[in-house]
């Protein structure tokens, strides 16, 4: 969901937004966010009807080294298939955690079929890290729900699209764009997200409308942090 915009670096005007952005740091976010939940939903509409949908709910807890990770993914419609961007299942759950004896317990259930898989502690840590980011390049974290680096890189250039709430604890980015794809179709995109003081997504909404094809792609994200996670021990 994050795109680094290459080119000139634009300075951020002095003020509250700059003060907010200057405090953003991945290390600080990772240190202060010890548990969380995200719900990411992608919906594909054709002629105003839902054609396909993917919803992934992820839970993690690393408070005091507890190390717990669970993801449940539901897939329907045109998102199921053998294509490159399709899924081969309608439901998949992956559960991994450290038990009382510090052993890594992991299992996967796909469309009701339970499978034991091999996991090391390093794999469990990577799963939790993936909640924050999927890729790290030259200090830039992308792909998860940590958006701090995206904001640092782009706030100066798109300063007018950013705003703070009254308490100056939440930063919002909102922009509408129009583009033309290789098929000469007009694409209208409405993108809106809000992050907390650590640069972690609170909510996100992104909608792309292909008017000539009457196709709509919509993605939403909602997150909660430092909450009590209702944990399961087995699938």
Protein backbone atom coordinates (compact mmCIF):
# COMPACT_ATOMS: atom_id res chain seq x y z
CA UNK A 1 0.00 0.00 0.00
CA UNK A 2 2.92 2.36 0.45
CA UNK A 3 4.70 3.94 -2.49
CA UNK A 4 7.94 5.87 -2.20
CA UNK A 5 7.85 8.88 -4.47
CA UNK A 6 11.23 9.41 -6.04
CA UNK A 7 12.65 12.78 -7.00
CA UNK A 8 13.51 15.96 -5.18
CA UNK A 9 13.27 16.19 -1.42
CA UNK A 10 10.85 18.89 -0.29
CA UNK A 11 11.22 20.54 3.09
CA UNK A 12 8.30 20.60 5.51
CA UNK A 13 7.18 24.09 6.61
CA UNK A 14 7.80 24.90 10.26
CA UNK A 15 4.85 24.20 12.50
CA UNK A 16 2.85 21.49 14.24
CA UNK A 17 2.89 19.05 11.31
CA UNK A 18 6.67 19.28 11.02
CA UNK A 19 7.02 18.73 14.78
CA UNK A 20 4.78 15.64 14.48
CA UNK A 21 6.74 14.22 11.53
CA UNK A 22 10.12 14.96 13.10
CA UNK A 23 9.22 12.66 16.02
CA UNK A 24 8.42 9.67 13.78
CA UNK A 25 10.80 6.74 14.07
CA UNK A 26 10.37 3.05 13.34
CA UNK A 27 12.47 2.07 16.36
CA UNK A 28 10.25 4.19 18.59
CA UNK A 29 7.08 2.69 17.07
CA UNK A 30 8.35 -0.87 17.53
CA UNK A 31 9.35 -0.13 21.10
CA UNK A 32 6.01 1.35 22.14
CA UNK A 33 3.59 -0.82 20.16
CA UNK A 34 3.63 -4.22 21.89
CA UNK A 35 0.33 -5.71 20.79
CA UNK A 36 -2.17 -5.02 18.08
CA UNK A 37 -4.93 -6.02 15.71
CA UNK A 38 -5.40 -5.12 12.06
CA UNK A 39 -8.27 -5.86 9.70
CA UNK A 40 -7.39 -5.41 6.04
CA UNK A 41 -10.15 -5.81 3.45
CA UNK A 42 -9.84 -5.63 -0.33
CA UNK A 43 -13.08 -5.62 -2.33
CA UNK A 44 -13.42 -5.83 -6.12
CA UNK A 45 -16.63 -4.49 -7.65
CA UNK A 46 -17.87 -5.03 -11.21
CA UNK A 47 -21.00 -3.16 -12.35
CA UNK A 48 -21.67 -2.14 -8.73
CA UNK A 49 -21.73 -5.77 -7.56
CA UNK A 50 -19.11 -7.43 -5.34
CA UNK A 51 -17.05 -9.68 -7.60
CA UNK A 52 -14.35 -10.70 -5.10
CA UNK A 53 -13.27 -10.02 -1.55
CA UNK A 54 -10.29 -10.73 0.73
CA UNK A 55 -10.31 -9.98 4.44
CA UNK A 56 -7.31 -10.64 6.70
CA UNK A 57 -7.48 -10.19 10.47
CA UNK A 58 -4.13 -10.23 12.24
CA UNK A 59 -3.35 -10.28 15.97
CA UNK A 60 0.05 -10.09 17.66
CA UNK A 61 1.51 -9.69 21.12
CA UNK A 62 5.17 -9.25 22.02
CA UNK A 63 4.61 -7.79 25.49
CA UNK A 64 7.39 -8.96 27.82
CA UNK A 65 8.50 -11.49 25.22
CA UNK A 66 5.14 -13.29 25.01
CA UNK A 67 5.46 -13.66 21.22
CA UNK A 68 2.02 -14.48 19.84
CA UNK A 69 0.85 -14.19 16.23
CA UNK A 70 -2.41 -15.21 14.56
CA UNK A 71 -3.80 -14.39 11.12
CA UNK A 72 -7.14 -15.39 9.63
CA UNK A 73 -7.78 -14.80 5.92
CA UNK A 74 -11.17 -15.18 4.20
CA UNK A 75 -11.33 -15.14 0.40
CA UNK A 76 -14.31 -15.16 -1.95
CA UNK A 77 -15.34 -14.63 -5.56
CA UNK A 78 -12.83 -13.74 -8.26
CA UNK A 79 -9.95 -13.60 -5.79
CA UNK A 80 -10.00 -17.43 -5.72
CA UNK A 81 -8.15 -19.13 -8.57
CA UNK A 82 -4.79 -20.12 -9.99
CA UNK A 83 -3.73 -16.67 -11.21
CA UNK A 84 -0.69 -14.80 -9.98
CA UNK A 85 -2.69 -12.49 -7.69
CA UNK A 86 -5.33 -15.05 -6.72
CA UNK A 87 -5.68 -17.36 -3.72
CA UNK A 88 -6.06 -21.14 -3.87
CA UNK A 89 -8.23 -21.30 -0.74
CA UNK A 90 -11.31 -19.67 0.77
CA UNK A 91 -10.03 -19.63 4.37
CA UNK A 92 -6.64 -19.98 5.95
CA UNK A 93 -5.50 -19.54 9.55
CA UNK A 94 -1.94 -19.50 10.85
CA UNK A 95 -1.22 -19.59 14.58
CA UNK A 96 2.21 -19.37 16.20
CA UNK A 97 3.33 -18.56 19.72
CA UNK A 98 5.75 -19.35 22.53
CA UNK A 99 4.29 -21.75 25.07
CA UNK A 100 5.02 -21.78 28.81
CA UNK A 101 8.18 -23.80 28.21
CA UNK A 102 9.47 -21.33 25.60
CA UNK A 103 8.77 -23.76 22.76
CA UNK A 104 7.43 -22.40 19.46
CA UNK A 105 4.00 -23.82 18.69
CA UNK A 106 2.71 -23.36 15.14
CA UNK A 107 -0.13 -24.73 13.05
CA UNK A 108 -1.94 -23.88 9.84
CA UNK A 109 -5.50 -24.69 8.83
CA UNK A 110 -6.53 -24.27 5.20
CA UNK A 111 -10.19 -24.78 4.28
CA UNK A 112 -10.60 -26.94 7.37
CA UNK A 113 -7.50 -29.06 6.83
CA UNK A 114 -5.06 -28.82 9.74
CA UNK A 115 -1.37 -28.90 8.99
CA UNK A 116 1.60 -28.84 11.35
CA UNK A 117 4.44 -26.74 10.01
CA UNK A 118 7.99 -26.18 11.18
CA UNK A 119 8.77 -22.83 12.80
CA UNK A 120 11.77 -21.48 14.62
CA UNK A 121 11.71 -18.56 17.03
CA UNK A 122 13.20 -16.44 14.24
CA UNK A 123 10.20 -17.25 12.03
CA UNK A 124 7.78 -16.18 14.75
CA UNK A 125 9.66 -12.90 15.21
CA UNK A 126 9.57 -12.29 11.45
CA UNK A 127 5.79 -12.84 11.43
CA UNK A 128 5.36 -10.20 14.14
CA UNK A 129 7.73 -7.84 12.35
CA UNK A 130 5.64 -8.26 9.18
CA UNK A 131 2.75 -6.62 11.01
CA UNK A 132 4.88 -3.45 10.97
CA UNK A 133 6.61 -3.84 7.59
CA UNK A 134 7.31 -6.36 4.84
CA UNK A 135 10.31 -4.76 3.17
CA UNK A 136 13.27 -2.74 4.40
CA UNK A 137 15.45 -0.91 1.92
CA UNK A 138 17.98 1.82 2.77
CA UNK A 139 16.24 2.41 6.10
CA UNK A 140 12.80 2.70 4.47
CA UNK A 141 10.12 0.39 5.93
CA UNK A 142 7.19 -0.45 3.70
CA UNK A 143 4.41 -2.97 3.24
CA UNK A 144 2.97 -3.14 6.77
CA UNK A 145 0.93 -0.75 8.88
CA UNK A 146 3.89 1.40 9.95
CA UNK A 147 3.62 4.45 7.66
CA UNK A 148 6.13 6.71 9.37
CA UNK A 149 8.81 6.41 6.69
CA UNK A 150 6.26 7.05 3.93
CA UNK A 151 5.19 10.24 5.69
CA UNK A 152 8.76 11.40 6.29
CA UNK A 153 9.55 10.89 2.59
CA UNK A 154 6.43 12.54 1.21
CA UNK A 155 5.04 15.09 3.67
CA UNK A 156 7.11 17.97 2.27
CA UNK A 157 6.00 17.38 -1.31
CA UNK A 158 2.34 16.83 -0.46
CA UNK A 159 2.17 19.07 2.60
CA UNK A 160 -1.25 20.53 1.71
CA UNK A 161 -2.78 17.03 1.85
CA UNK A 162 -1.80 16.52 5.51
CA UNK A 163 -3.66 17.76 8.58
CA UNK A 164 -3.64 17.22 12.35
CA UNK A 165 -6.55 16.58 14.66
CA UNK A 166 -7.36 19.12 17.36
CA UNK A 167 -5.23 17.32 19.97
CA UNK A 168 -2.34 17.01 17.50
CA UNK A 169 -2.12 13.28 18.22
CA UNK A 170 -3.33 12.01 14.83
CA UNK A 171 -2.05 12.93 11.37
CA UNK A 172 -4.35 12.57 8.37
CA UNK A 173 -3.49 12.38 4.68
CA UNK A 174 -6.21 12.80 2.05
CA UNK A 175 -5.86 13.12 -1.72
CA UNK A 176 -7.90 12.50 -4.85
CA UNK A 177 -6.11 11.84 -8.16
CA UNK A 178 -6.89 11.07 -11.79
CA UNK A 179 -4.70 9.02 -14.12
CA UNK A 180 -4.84 7.15 -17.45
CA UNK A 181 -3.73 3.52 -17.69
CA UNK A 182 -2.22 1.65 -20.66
CA UNK A 183 -5.73 0.86 -21.92
CA UNK A 184 -6.52 4.59 -22.04
CA UNK A 185 -9.00 4.19 -19.19
CA UNK A 186 -9.59 6.99 -16.73
CA UNK A 187 -8.79 5.98 -13.16
CA UNK A 188 -10.02 8.10 -10.26
CA UNK A 189 -8.40 7.32 -6.92
CA UNK A 190 -9.48 8.51 -3.48
CA UNK A 191 -6.87 7.86 -0.79
CA UNK A 192 -7.28 8.69 2.89
CA UNK A 193 -5.37 7.47 5.93
CA UNK A 194 -4.74 8.46 9.54
CA UNK A 195 -1.72 7.55 11.68
CA UNK A 196 -1.06 7.86 15.39
CA UNK A 197 1.90 9.58 17.02
CA UNK A 198 4.16 6.61 16.18
CA UNK A 199 3.27 6.57 12.49
CA UNK A 200 1.07 3.47 12.83
CA UNK A 201 -2.07 3.29 10.70
CA UNK A 202 -5.29 3.85 12.64
CA UNK A 203 -7.53 3.66 9.58
CA UNK A 204 -7.12 3.75 5.83
CA UNK A 205 -9.47 3.90 2.87
CA UNK A 206 -8.34 3.69 -0.74
CA UNK A 207 -10.70 3.45 -3.70
CA UNK A 208 -9.82 3.29 -7.40
CA UNK A 209 -12.64 3.73 -9.92
CA UNK A 210 -12.28 2.61 -13.55
CA UNK A 211 -15.18 4.49 -15.11
CA UNK A 212 -15.07 3.01 -18.62
CA UNK A 213 -15.07 -0.55 -17.25
CA UNK A 214 -17.35 0.22 -14.28
CA UNK A 215 -14.82 -1.49 -12.01
CA UNK A 216 -13.97 -0.40 -8.46
CA UNK A 217 -11.11 -1.60 -6.26
CA UNK A 218 -11.48 -0.66 -2.60
CA UNK A 219 -9.09 -1.32 0.29
CA UNK A 220 -9.76 -0.54 3.94
CA UNK A 221 -7.57 -0.96 7.02
CA UNK A 222 -8.52 -0.55 10.66
CA UNK A 223 -6.05 -1.07 13.51
CA UNK A 224 -5.90 -1.07 17.30
CA UNK A 225 -2.71 -1.08 19.36
CA UNK A 226 -1.57 -1.99 22.87
CA UNK A 227 -4.79 -3.86 23.52
CA UNK A 228 -5.52 -7.10 25.31
CA UNK A 229 -5.46 -9.90 22.73
CA UNK A 230 -7.90 -12.80 23.11
CA UNK A 231 -5.51 -15.65 22.39
CA UNK A 232 -6.26 -19.12 21.14
CA UNK A 233 -4.01 -22.12 21.86
CA UNK A 234 -4.92 -24.31 18.90
CA UNK A 235 -6.73 -24.26 15.59
